[in-house]
Every structure is written in C-alpha cells, then in structure tokens.
Amino acid sequence: MLSKNTHTGIMTALLLLIFAASPAESQNSALSDEAQKCLSCHSQHGLVKTFENKDSLEAYVDSEKFKASAHGSLKCSDCHADFTGEKHPQRRFRSKEQYKTKSAMTCRRCHRCEQIKTKSIHSRLLTEEDSGMSHPCTNCHGSHSIMPVSRKTYKNEEQYCLKCHGHKLNMGFKSGENLSLKIDLSLLQNSVHKRLSCSDCHFGFSHSQHPQRNFKGMRDLSIANAETCRRCHFDKYTKTMESIHYAMLSQGYLNAPVCTDCHGTHNIISTRSTDPATVKANLVRRCQQCHKDAAKNFPDAWLSHYEPTLANAPLVFIVTMIYKIFTPIMVIGIILQILLHIWRYAVNR
C-alpha cells in the first residue's frame, strides 16, 4: 500500500509530465496538417532557390514566427496555390526581384486594391505600379512573419520607418523626375544624427501620420528639406544668411547650394576629430562640383567653414575674444549704474 507522501509525489510527477507535453501539442495544433508537412523541410536551413541571373534565396521559414503571424492559421496552399503536400512543381524565374513581384501578387487575392488604396502611402505606390514601377508587398510587410496590426510592435521609430524606406522606394515629381527614398541603414547608424528619431527632422511624419507632399521638382524638395536644419542649427543658419549662396537663393536663383547640397542628409558625419587638412580637402572637392576651377584655398573665402583660431583668421579670433570678454563686463556695468542711480534717487528724496 502506497504511503500518502508517495501518492502525492506520483500525482505531482504526472501533472508535470502533462504540462510539459502541452506546449509541444499546442505548437502542432496551431498549424494545419499541410503546414506541418511543408515545415518538415522548410523549417530547416539549407534549402536555397537559385535564379537564372545567379541570385539566390533561402527557402527557410521560421515555424515559430509563422505560427504567431496573421496567416498562421492558413494552409500553405492558400497562398502557394500551385503547391500541396504531394505536389511540388519546379518554377523558373529570371531573378529574385521577378520572383518577389510574382509572389506578392498572391496578396491581392485577399487584400483587394480598393482596400489597400484607403491609405495614402499605399495609394501612391499602386499609382507608381501602374506606370511600371514594382513595389512588392513583401518588401515592407515580410512574408511568413506578418503580424496583425494590433500586435505589431517596433523597438523605435527608425525601425518602423525602415520597414518601407529600407527597400526600393521612389518619389515622383511633377517635372517627371524620380528620387530614391531608400535609406542605407549603415550610413544612418554612422552619421552624426544617429541618436535622433526620424520625426525630429521629418516633422509631421510618424507611425500614424504620413502626409502626401507634392513638389514641382527635386530642387524644390531639397530647398524645403534644408529649412529643417535651422531648427537645431540656428547659429549656423544665421551665418549662411551672410553668404553669397543665400543672397543668390533669395534673389530667385534656385540652383544656389543649400545645407544638404554640401553636407548631405542621412550620411552626415562629424568632423571634430578629423584632421583639418582632410576637412579642407573635402571642402575643395565639394566646391569643385559647382566651381570647376576652384583652387585649394577656395573654401577660405568664407570663414564660417572653420572655427577661427590664432593659426587661421587671427584677427577674427582676437575680435571675437574681445567681444566675449567685454560684452559681459559692459552688461554688468550698466546694471550696477542703474542700481546706483536708483539708490542715489532714494537717498536724495
């Protein structure tokens, strides 16, 4: 006869075994029989599809992510209509891009164009698609790990924006010009603005707002974007107002350079620890993009390219220091004079 303690121990062990087995059972029950059969191969690394232009794509599917995705309850053949557990046809594609474009058309079987167009960003992409520019859904949304919108989370704003802007994306202008909106993440992470959120510069844009802006041409966009810089760099902006470039721009010459023409956009790096000679050489190359005959001392024409020192621009340095020293002294002197005047007035009453 079993003792009370022994009986309790056996019951506890049985319960532990039941609950230990339940995750595996629930994992399988969340997937269809067909999906389980397909994943017996596709959940393993090593399956690679090679295209005619020698591009390749791994046919790996993360079973956990697929099970948690918005499409986890579907059978594989609901999207891959030509395939079943018994039927696995060989298909040929010229390139990975052609394969992605062809595969993404499957999305339209459930997500109709009328439904997609309700969001302005999608409406613009569909318009570009009509003109022959390909925008596969999977570029932004992924394929086997698409999360329901209500459960989709992002670590930061950058990650959210790059879901689209990390892929091939273009902006069209009334002039017929096209501008790539693809952002190179490596350049952004090495830039001087890497700690900023996208909306710090792209004011008015967020995960909930994506206003449609229309410009006549790329030049109008560059000038509009350059105005963003002065929100943080107002001291530098006021210096540019003294330059010949600003004078030309204010007179209607729109090809005069603005901040982004010389400094870039998402790839701006700090020059604080860079050798001054290297900075100057880089400046000369920038100047030569417009001024073809610019000599090595050409950037010296505008002192705001450098912080004045005794070595370069000693007169400007000395005058600046005099102002820094004597301006506070004058302010303090004026305050003392006012206070003494008030005191004398009070005494003589």
Protein backbone atom coordinates (compact mmCIF):
# COMPACT_ATOMS: atom_id res chain seq x y z
CA MET A 1 0.00 0.00 0.00
CA LEU A 2 1.41 3.42 -1.01
CA SER A 3 2.00 6.00 1.68
CA LYS A 4 0.31 9.38 1.50
CA ASN A 5 3.63 11.13 0.62
CA THR A 6 4.40 8.61 -2.15
CA HIS A 7 0.93 9.02 -3.64
CA THR A 8 1.30 12.83 -3.62
CA GLY A 9 4.72 12.56 -5.32
CA ILE A 10 3.36 10.36 -8.13
CA MET A 11 0.44 12.71 -8.76
CA THR A 12 2.79 15.71 -8.88
CA ALA A 13 5.08 13.93 -11.37
CA LEU A 14 2.14 13.04 -13.63
CA LEU A 15 0.89 16.63 -13.60
CA LEU A 16 4.37 17.91 -14.50
CA LEU A 17 4.55 15.49 -17.44
CA ILE A 18 1.14 16.60 -18.69
CA PHE A 19 2.01 20.31 -18.57
CA ALA A 20 5.49 19.71 -20.01
CA ALA A 21 3.95 17.98 -23.02
CA SER A 22 1.25 20.59 -23.59
CA PRO A 23 3.48 23.25 -25.32
CA ALA A 24 4.52 20.73 -27.99
CA GLU A 25 0.93 19.72 -28.52
CA SER A 26 -0.24 23.33 -28.72
CA GLN A 27 2.62 24.12 -31.13
CA ASN A 28 1.40 21.45 -33.55
CA SER A 29 -2.27 22.22 -33.06
CA ALA A 30 -1.73 25.84 -34.13
CA LEU A 31 -0.57 24.73 -37.57
CA SER A 32 -2.53 22.91 -40.25
CA ASP A 33 -1.51 19.38 -41.24
CA GLU A 34 -0.33 20.71 -44.59
CA ALA A 35 1.79 23.41 -42.93
CA GLN A 36 3.38 20.84 -40.63
CA LYS A 37 4.26 18.68 -43.63
CA CYS A 38 5.80 21.62 -45.53
CA LEU A 39 7.70 22.80 -42.48
CA SER A 40 9.27 19.40 -42.02
CA CYS A 41 11.61 20.58 -44.81
CA HIS A 42 11.24 24.36 -44.91
CA SER A 43 11.93 24.86 -41.20
CA GLN A 44 15.45 23.57 -41.83
CA HIS A 45 18.25 25.84 -43.09
CA GLY A 46 19.97 24.87 -46.31
CA LEU A 47 17.15 24.95 -48.89
CA VAL A 48 18.20 27.51 -51.48
CA LYS A 49 16.43 28.65 -54.65
CA THR A 50 18.82 29.83 -57.39
CA PHE A 51 17.56 32.08 -60.20
CA GLU A 52 18.69 32.41 -63.80
CA ASN A 53 20.80 35.51 -63.08
CA LYS A 54 22.56 33.59 -60.25
CA ASP A 55 20.68 35.41 -57.46
CA SER A 56 19.67 33.08 -54.67
CA LEU A 57 17.09 32.98 -51.89
CA GLU A 58 16.93 30.66 -48.89
CA ALA A 59 13.55 28.89 -48.67
CA TYR A 60 13.66 28.82 -44.87
CA VAL A 61 10.54 29.54 -42.80
CA ASP A 62 10.73 30.13 -39.06
CA SER A 63 7.91 27.91 -37.77
CA GLU A 64 7.50 29.87 -34.51
CA LYS A 65 7.17 33.20 -36.31
CA PHE A 66 4.81 31.74 -38.89
CA LYS A 67 2.62 30.23 -36.19
CA ALA A 68 2.40 33.63 -34.43
CA SER A 69 1.78 35.53 -37.66
CA ALA A 70 -1.50 36.86 -39.04
CA HIS A 71 -1.53 33.96 -41.52
CA GLY A 72 -0.57 31.21 -39.07
CA SER A 73 -3.99 29.57 -39.30
CA LEU A 74 -3.85 29.26 -43.12
CA LYS A 75 -2.71 26.28 -45.13
CA CYS A 76 0.41 26.81 -47.21
CA SER A 77 -1.57 26.21 -50.41
CA ASP A 78 -3.92 29.09 -49.55
CA CYS A 79 -1.09 31.39 -50.70
CA HIS A 80 1.12 28.97 -52.65
CA ALA A 81 -1.74 27.76 -54.82
CA ASP A 82 0.41 25.60 -57.12
CA PHE A 83 1.83 23.60 -54.20
CA THR A 84 0.39 20.92 -51.92
CA GLY A 85 1.78 18.27 -49.64
CA GLU A 86 2.06 15.92 -52.63
CA LYS A 87 2.65 18.41 -55.44
CA HIS A 88 5.84 20.48 -55.62
CA PRO A 89 6.34 21.93 -59.14
CA GLN A 90 9.65 23.40 -60.31
CA ARG A 91 9.33 27.05 -61.35
CA ARG A 92 11.84 29.23 -63.19
CA PHE A 93 12.42 32.95 -62.64
CA ARG A 94 14.92 35.34 -64.18
CA SER A 95 15.79 36.99 -60.86
CA LYS A 96 14.91 37.26 -57.20
CA GLU A 97 13.16 40.57 -57.96
CA GLN A 98 10.90 38.88 -60.52
CA TYR A 99 10.11 36.09 -58.05
CA LYS A 100 9.22 38.59 -55.29
CA THR A 101 6.99 40.60 -57.64
CA LYS A 102 5.19 37.47 -58.86
CA SER A 103 4.77 36.05 -55.34
CA ALA A 104 3.48 39.32 -53.91
CA MET A 105 0.58 39.31 -56.36
CA THR A 106 -0.85 36.50 -54.22
CA CYS A 107 -1.65 39.11 -51.55
CA ARG A 108 -4.20 40.76 -53.87
CA ARG A 109 -6.39 37.67 -53.78
CA CYS A 110 -7.47 38.61 -50.24
CA HIS A 111 -6.32 42.23 -49.92
CA ARG A 112 -8.09 43.99 -52.78
CA CYS A 113 -6.68 47.15 -54.37
CA GLU A 114 -9.75 49.13 -53.23
CA GLN A 115 -8.96 48.20 -49.63
CA ILE A 116 -5.23 48.91 -49.98
CA LYS A 117 -5.81 52.35 -51.53
CA THR A 118 -7.53 53.65 -48.39
CA LYS A 119 -4.06 54.56 -47.02
CA SER A 120 -2.30 57.39 -48.87
CA ILE A 121 1.13 55.73 -48.86
CA HIS A 122 -0.30 52.57 -50.45
CA SER A 123 -2.34 54.59 -52.93
CA ARG A 124 0.81 56.30 -54.20
CA LEU A 125 2.66 53.01 -54.52
CA LEU A 126 -0.20 51.50 -56.52
CA THR A 127 -0.17 54.53 -58.83
CA GLU A 128 3.57 54.05 -59.40
CA GLU A 129 2.91 50.35 -60.01
CA ASP A 130 0.50 51.25 -62.83
CA SER A 131 3.35 53.13 -64.52
CA GLY A 132 5.58 50.04 -64.41
CA MET A 133 7.41 50.57 -61.10
CA SER A 134 7.37 47.41 -58.99
CA HIS A 135 6.62 47.57 -55.24
CA PRO A 136 6.18 44.01 -53.90
CA CYS A 137 4.13 43.92 -50.68
CA THR A 138 6.73 41.69 -49.07
CA ASN A 139 9.38 44.42 -49.28
CA CYS A 140 7.71 46.21 -46.38
CA HIS A 141 5.45 43.65 -44.76
CA GLY A 142 7.56 40.49 -44.99
CA SER A 143 6.14 37.10 -45.93
CA HIS A 144 5.84 34.32 -43.35
CA SER A 145 6.09 36.50 -40.23
CA ILE A 146 3.48 39.22 -40.87
CA MET A 147 1.98 40.31 -37.56
CA PRO A 148 -1.57 41.60 -37.07
CA VAL A 149 -1.50 45.41 -36.87
CA SER A 150 -2.88 45.39 -33.33
CA ARG A 151 0.02 43.20 -32.15
CA LYS A 152 2.81 44.71 -34.24
CA THR A 153 5.47 46.44 -32.15
CA TYR A 154 8.67 48.26 -33.08
CA LYS A 155 11.69 48.97 -30.91
CA ASN A 156 11.96 52.53 -32.19
CA GLU A 157 10.73 54.94 -34.82
CA GLU A 158 13.70 54.19 -37.05
CA GLN A 159 12.75 50.52 -37.25
CA TYR A 160 9.17 51.43 -38.17
CA CYS A 161 10.19 53.83 -40.97
CA LEU A 162 12.78 51.45 -42.41
CA LYS A 163 10.13 48.75 -42.88
CA CYS A 164 9.39 50.69 -46.08
CA HIS A 165 12.35 53.03 -46.55
CA GLY A 166 14.85 50.21 -46.19
CA HIS A 167 13.65 48.90 -49.56
CA LYS A 168 13.35 50.19 -53.10
CA LEU A 169 11.00 53.17 -52.93
CA ASN A 170 10.71 56.21 -55.20
CA MET A 171 9.14 59.64 -55.06
CA GLY A 172 7.80 61.13 -58.29
CA PHE A 173 7.68 64.84 -59.12
CA LYS A 174 5.54 66.94 -61.46
CA SER A 175 8.65 67.53 -63.59
CA GLY A 176 8.87 63.79 -64.28
CA GLU A 177 11.94 63.33 -62.05
CA ASN A 178 12.20 60.40 -59.64
CA LEU A 179 14.07 60.26 -56.35
CA SER A 180 15.01 57.09 -54.49
CA LEU A 181 13.68 57.14 -50.91
CA LYS A 182 15.67 54.07 -49.87
CA ILE A 183 17.78 54.75 -46.76
CA ASP A 184 21.10 52.98 -46.20
CA LEU A 185 20.93 51.89 -42.55
CA SER A 186 24.73 51.57 -42.22
CA LEU A 187 25.23 55.22 -43.26
CA LEU A 188 22.47 56.38 -40.91
CA GLN A 189 23.96 54.49 -37.95
CA ASN A 190 27.37 56.11 -38.55
CA SER A 191 26.01 59.63 -39.01
CA VAL A 192 26.20 62.48 -36.53
CA HIS A 193 22.38 62.35 -36.22
CA LYS A 194 22.15 58.65 -35.31
CA ARG A 195 20.65 59.39 -31.88
CA LEU A 196 17.74 61.36 -33.36
CA SER A 197 14.33 59.97 -34.24
CA CYS A 198 13.16 60.25 -37.84
CA SER A 199 10.39 62.72 -36.88
CA ASP A 200 12.94 65.06 -35.25
CA CYS A 201 13.91 66.10 -38.78
CA HIS A 202 10.90 64.89 -40.78
CA PHE A 203 8.47 66.99 -38.78
CA GLY A 204 4.82 65.96 -39.26
CA PHE A 205 5.63 62.32 -40.07
CA SER A 206 5.06 59.47 -37.61
CA HIS A 207 3.67 55.94 -37.42
CA SER A 208 0.16 57.43 -37.52
CA GLN A 209 0.74 60.30 -39.96
CA HIS A 210 2.30 60.20 -43.41
CA PRO A 211 1.23 63.36 -45.27
CA GLN A 212 1.36 63.44 -49.05
CA ARG A 213 3.62 66.26 -50.26
CA ASN A 214 3.83 67.46 -53.84
CA PHE A 215 6.82 69.30 -55.33
CA LYS A 216 7.44 70.58 -58.81
CA GLY A 217 10.89 69.00 -58.90
CA MET A 218 13.73 67.55 -56.83
CA ARG A 219 15.23 71.01 -56.35
CA ASP A 220 12.13 72.31 -54.59
CA LEU A 221 12.28 69.31 -52.22
CA SER A 222 15.98 69.95 -51.44
CA ILE A 223 15.31 73.59 -50.57
CA ALA A 224 12.31 72.67 -48.39
CA ASN A 225 14.27 69.95 -46.55
CA ALA A 226 17.24 72.26 -45.93
CA GLU A 227 14.97 74.57 -43.94
CA THR A 228 14.68 71.76 -41.38
CA CYS A 229 18.34 72.20 -40.41
CA ARG A 230 17.81 75.62 -38.85
CA ARG A 231 15.51 74.18 -36.17
CA CYS A 232 18.65 72.91 -34.40
CA HIS A 233 21.50 74.74 -36.15
CA PHE A 234 20.13 78.26 -35.98
CA ASP A 235 23.56 79.79 -35.27
CA LYS A 236 24.95 78.19 -38.43
CA TYR A 237 21.86 79.17 -40.38
CA THR A 238 22.28 82.85 -39.49
CA LYS A 239 25.86 82.67 -40.77
CA THR A 240 24.68 81.27 -44.10
CA MET A 241 22.46 84.34 -44.44
CA GLU A 242 25.67 86.37 -44.82
CA SER A 243 26.89 84.17 -47.68
CA ILE A 244 26.75 84.70 -51.43
CA HIS A 245 24.80 81.45 -51.73
CA TYR A 246 21.94 82.75 -49.59
CA ALA A 247 21.92 86.06 -51.46
CA MET A 248 21.58 84.20 -54.78
CA LEU A 249 18.83 81.95 -53.39
CA SER A 250 16.85 84.89 -52.01
CA GLN A 251 17.03 86.55 -55.44
CA GLY A 252 15.34 83.54 -57.04
CA TYR A 253 18.35 81.53 -58.25
CA LEU A 254 17.14 78.12 -57.02
CA ASN A 255 20.29 76.25 -58.03
CA ALA A 256 22.31 78.05 -55.36
CA PRO A 257 23.51 75.43 -52.83
CA VAL A 258 21.66 74.83 -49.57
CA CYS A 259 22.72 72.90 -46.44
CA THR A 260 22.01 69.42 -47.81
CA ASP A 261 23.86 70.02 -51.09
CA CYS A 262 27.18 70.30 -49.27
CA HIS A 263 26.60 68.38 -46.04
CA GLY A 264 24.35 65.54 -47.24
CA THR A 265 21.26 64.19 -45.50
CA HIS A 266 21.29 60.79 -43.79
CA ASN A 267 25.07 60.36 -44.14
CA ILE A 268 26.40 63.46 -42.33
CA ILE A 269 29.44 62.64 -40.19
CA SER A 270 31.20 64.70 -37.50
CA THR A 271 34.49 66.40 -38.42
CA ARG A 272 35.54 67.26 -34.85
CA SER A 273 38.24 64.58 -34.70
CA THR A 274 39.15 64.83 -38.38
CA ASP A 275 42.46 66.35 -39.45
CA PRO A 276 41.86 69.99 -40.59
CA ALA A 277 43.80 69.34 -43.79
CA THR A 278 41.41 66.49 -44.64
CA VAL A 279 38.38 68.67 -43.91
CA LYS A 280 39.76 71.38 -46.18
CA ALA A 281 40.49 68.88 -48.99
CA ASN A 282 36.93 67.56 -48.74
CA LEU A 283 35.58 71.11 -48.86
CA VAL A 284 37.57 71.83 -52.01
CA ARG A 285 36.08 68.76 -53.70
CA ARG A 286 32.59 69.89 -52.72
CA CYS A 287 33.23 73.40 -54.04
CA GLN A 288 34.57 71.99 -57.31
CA GLN A 289 31.21 70.33 -58.01
CA CYS A 290 29.96 73.80 -58.97
CA HIS A 291 33.18 75.83 -59.20
CA LYS A 292 35.23 73.67 -61.55
CA ASP A 293 38.38 75.82 -61.33
CA ALA A 294 38.33 76.17 -57.52
CA ALA A 295 41.89 76.14 -56.06
CA LYS A 296 42.88 74.55 -52.75
CA ASN A 297 42.36 77.84 -50.85
CA PHE A 298 38.92 78.46 -52.34
CA PRO A 299 36.97 77.49 -49.15
CA ASP A 300 38.93 80.14 -47.18
CA ALA A 301 36.74 82.78 -48.83
CA TRP A 302 34.04 82.04 -46.25
CA LEU A 303 35.39 81.87 -42.69
CA SER A 304 32.27 80.17 -41.32
CA HIS A 305 33.62 76.89 -42.66
CA TYR A 306 36.06 76.90 -39.74
CA GLU A 307 36.21 77.87 -36.08
CA PRO A 308 38.56 80.91 -36.03
CA THR A 309 41.89 80.37 -34.22
CA LEU A 310 45.18 82.26 -33.87
CA ALA A 311 46.57 79.98 -36.58
CA ASN A 312 43.84 80.72 -39.12
CA ALA A 313 42.00 84.06 -39.11
CA PRO A 314 43.87 85.55 -36.05
CA LEU A 315 42.16 88.95 -36.41
CA VAL A 316 38.67 87.40 -36.32
CA PHE A 317 39.73 85.26 -33.33
CA ILE A 318 41.03 88.27 -31.36
CA VAL A 319 37.98 90.43 -32.10
CA THR A 320 35.68 87.53 -31.10
CA MET A 321 37.54 87.09 -27.80
CA ILE A 322 37.33 90.84 -27.08
CA TYR A 323 33.59 90.71 -27.58
CA LYS A 324 33.28 87.64 -25.35
CA ILE A 325 35.22 89.33 -22.54
CA PHE A 326 33.99 92.92 -22.70
CA THR A 327 30.31 92.32 -23.51
CA PRO A 328 29.58 90.70 -20.07
CA ILE A 329 31.63 93.45 -18.36
CA MET A 330 29.58 96.16 -20.08
CA VAL A 331 26.30 94.48 -19.16
CA ILE A 332 27.34 94.16 -15.52
CA GLY A 333 28.50 97.80 -15.52
CA ILE A 334 25.17 99.04 -16.91
CA ILE A 335 23.23 97.03 -14.28
CA LEU A 336 25.43 98.49 -11.48
CA GLN A 337 24.94 102.01 -12.82
CA ILE A 338 21.16 101.56 -12.83
CA LEU A 339 21.20 100.20 -9.29
CA LEU A 340 23.41 103.09 -8.07
CA HIS A 341 21.12 105.57 -9.77
CA ILE A 342 18.10 104.05 -8.01
CA TRP A 343 19.97 104.12 -4.66
CA ARG A 344 21.01 107.76 -5.11
CA TYR A 345 17.46 108.72 -6.06
CA ALA A 346 16.12 107.02 -2.91
CA VAL A 347 18.71 108.73 -0.65
CA ASN A 348 18.09 112.22 -2.02
CA ARG A 349 14.28 112.11 -1.60
